[in-house]
Every structure is written in structure tokens, then in C-alpha cells.
């Protein structure tokens, strides 16, 4: 799991450049899905299967940015969103991962 906080492109690039082990199955989407983060290079390096987007339903920044969501979709990364599904619970024993949204609104 990579809990990225509010990192932006510059920090994403630095993590890659300096060779940090950032490969993760689950990624907390950086900076609430703003256009200044989640670069293609970063996503291709982390290669998560699942991402969690922490963002308010009516946030003033109009997040997440559509281009950011497109990048995740292009790579086939499943996204859980707090603005649509409420709290997202992630439980793991180090091998198995269980992700449960408070509201399951998938078809």
C-alpha cells in the first residue's frame, strides 16, 4: 500500500528518480486527484491494481480532475471514491486484501 498524501508531480518524479520502492497493489490517489499529481509515469511505476480517492462530495477544488481519472482508467486501475462511496475500509494480512466501501453503489 502506498499512502501518498498530498504529493505532486515534483515529488512523484523524485521518488522515481531516487529509486524508492514505490510499487504497490493499493495507492491512495495523491493530492485528492488534482491535475498536479498522478502522472502517467508515476502510475506506471507504482502499478496499483486499486486506488482510493479521498475527496469531499462538493469540494471547492472540483476534484478529482477528469484527466487524472482517465489515466487511472487507461491503466485498468479500479477506483474507490469517498465522495461517492463514503468511508473505504482496507484490510490486509500482508497477502490477502479486502476493500469495503461504506456504500456499495456499483452495478
Protein backbone atom coordinates (compact mmCIF):
# COMPACT_ATOMS: atom_id res chain seq x y z
CA UNK A 1 0.00 0.00 0.00
CA UNK A 2 1.31 3.45 -0.87
CA UNK A 3 -0.22 6.28 1.16
CA UNK A 4 0.87 9.20 -0.96
CA UNK A 5 -0.67 12.11 0.93
CA UNK A 6 -0.61 15.40 -0.98
CA UNK A 7 2.44 14.76 -3.16
CA UNK A 8 2.54 16.40 -6.58
CA UNK A 9 4.45 15.81 -9.82
CA UNK A 10 7.80 17.03 -8.45
CA UNK A 11 7.74 14.57 -5.56
CA UNK A 12 6.46 11.76 -7.76
CA UNK A 13 9.40 12.36 -10.12
CA UNK A 14 11.85 12.44 -7.21
CA UNK A 15 10.58 9.14 -5.79
CA UNK A 16 11.10 7.50 -9.19
CA UNK A 17 14.45 9.19 -9.89
CA UNK A 18 15.91 8.24 -6.50
CA UNK A 19 14.76 4.64 -6.84
CA UNK A 20 12.42 4.39 -3.88
CA UNK A 21 10.48 1.09 -3.77
CA UNK A 22 7.06 2.54 -4.58
CA UNK A 23 5.46 -0.48 -6.29
CA UNK A 24 2.12 -1.10 -4.54
CA UNK A 25 -1.11 -3.01 -5.03
CA UNK A 26 -3.14 -0.18 -3.49
CA UNK A 27 -2.49 3.54 -3.97
CA UNK A 28 -4.11 6.39 -2.10
CA UNK A 29 -4.60 8.79 -5.02
CA UNK A 30 -2.23 11.74 -4.50
CA UNK A 31 -3.50 15.22 -3.71
CA UNK A 32 -7.20 14.29 -3.88
CA UNK A 33 -6.99 13.68 -7.63
CA UNK A 34 -5.73 17.14 -8.57
CA UNK A 35 -4.22 17.79 -12.00
CA UNK A 36 -0.82 18.41 -10.38
CA UNK A 37 -0.38 14.73 -9.45
CA UNK A 38 -0.88 11.12 -10.62
CA UNK A 39 1.37 11.48 -13.64
CA UNK A 40 1.37 8.63 -16.14
CA UNK A 41 4.99 7.84 -15.28
CA UNK A 42 4.18 7.65 -11.58
CA UNK A 43 1.19 5.36 -12.12
CA UNK A 44 3.17 3.12 -14.47
CA UNK A 45 5.90 2.82 -11.81
CA UNK A 46 3.59 2.16 -8.86
CA UNK A 47 1.29 -0.11 -10.96
CA UNK A 48 -1.52 -0.41 -8.44
CA UNK A 49 -4.49 -2.66 -9.14
CA UNK A 50 -6.69 -0.50 -6.91
CA UNK A 51 -6.71 3.18 -5.91
CA UNK A 52 -8.55 5.01 -3.16
CA UNK A 53 -9.61 8.60 -3.79
CA UNK A 54 -10.25 10.66 -0.68
CA UNK A 55 -12.30 13.68 -1.73
CA UNK A 56 -15.38 15.51 -0.49
CA UNK A 57 -18.63 15.32 -2.41
CA UNK A 58 -18.91 19.07 -3.05
CA UNK A 59 -15.31 20.23 -2.75
CA UNK A 60 -14.36 23.73 -3.85
CA UNK A 61 -11.46 22.48 -5.97
CA UNK A 62 -13.80 20.49 -8.22
CA UNK A 63 -11.76 17.38 -7.67
CA UNK A 64 -10.93 14.86 -8.98
CA UNK A 65 -9.67 16.23 -12.26
CA UNK A 66 -11.16 14.32 -15.25
CA UNK A 67 -7.73 13.83 -16.85
CA UNK A 68 -6.43 12.18 -13.69
CA UNK A 69 -9.35 9.74 -13.64
CA UNK A 70 -8.75 8.99 -17.31
CA UNK A 71 -5.13 7.99 -16.57
CA UNK A 72 -6.27 5.51 -13.92
CA UNK A 73 -8.95 4.07 -16.20
CA UNK A 74 -6.49 3.68 -19.10
CA UNK A 75 -4.31 1.50 -16.89
CA UNK A 76 -7.27 -0.57 -15.69
CA UNK A 77 -6.92 0.59 -12.07
CA UNK A 78 -10.09 0.13 -10.03
CA UNK A 79 -11.01 3.31 -8.11
CA UNK A 80 -12.88 3.59 -4.83
CA UNK A 81 -14.12 7.13 -4.08
CA UNK A 82 -15.10 8.61 -0.73
CA UNK A 83 -17.31 11.24 -2.38
CA UNK A 84 -19.49 8.50 -3.86
CA UNK A 85 -18.98 5.52 -1.55
CA UNK A 86 -18.27 7.08 1.85
CA UNK A 87 -15.60 5.53 4.05
CA UNK A 88 -13.37 3.00 2.31
CA UNK A 89 -12.03 0.24 4.58
CA UNK A 90 -8.88 -1.64 3.55
CA UNK A 91 -7.94 -4.78 5.49
CA UNK A 92 -4.92 -6.94 4.72
CA UNK A 93 -2.91 -9.68 6.36
CA UNK A 94 0.02 -8.90 4.09
CA UNK A 95 -1.14 -11.32 1.42
CA UNK A 96 -4.90 -11.03 1.01
CA UNK A 97 -6.54 -7.63 0.59
CA UNK A 98 -10.16 -6.81 1.32
CA UNK A 99 -11.59 -3.40 0.35
CA UNK A 100 -15.06 -2.46 1.54
CA UNK A 101 -16.85 0.79 0.72
CA UNK A 102 -19.45 2.10 3.18
CA UNK A 103 -21.88 2.44 0.27
CA UNK A 104 -21.65 -0.19 -2.45
CA UNK A 105 -23.13 1.61 -5.44
CA UNK A 106 -21.60 -0.47 -8.20
CA UNK A 107 -23.94 -2.03 -10.78
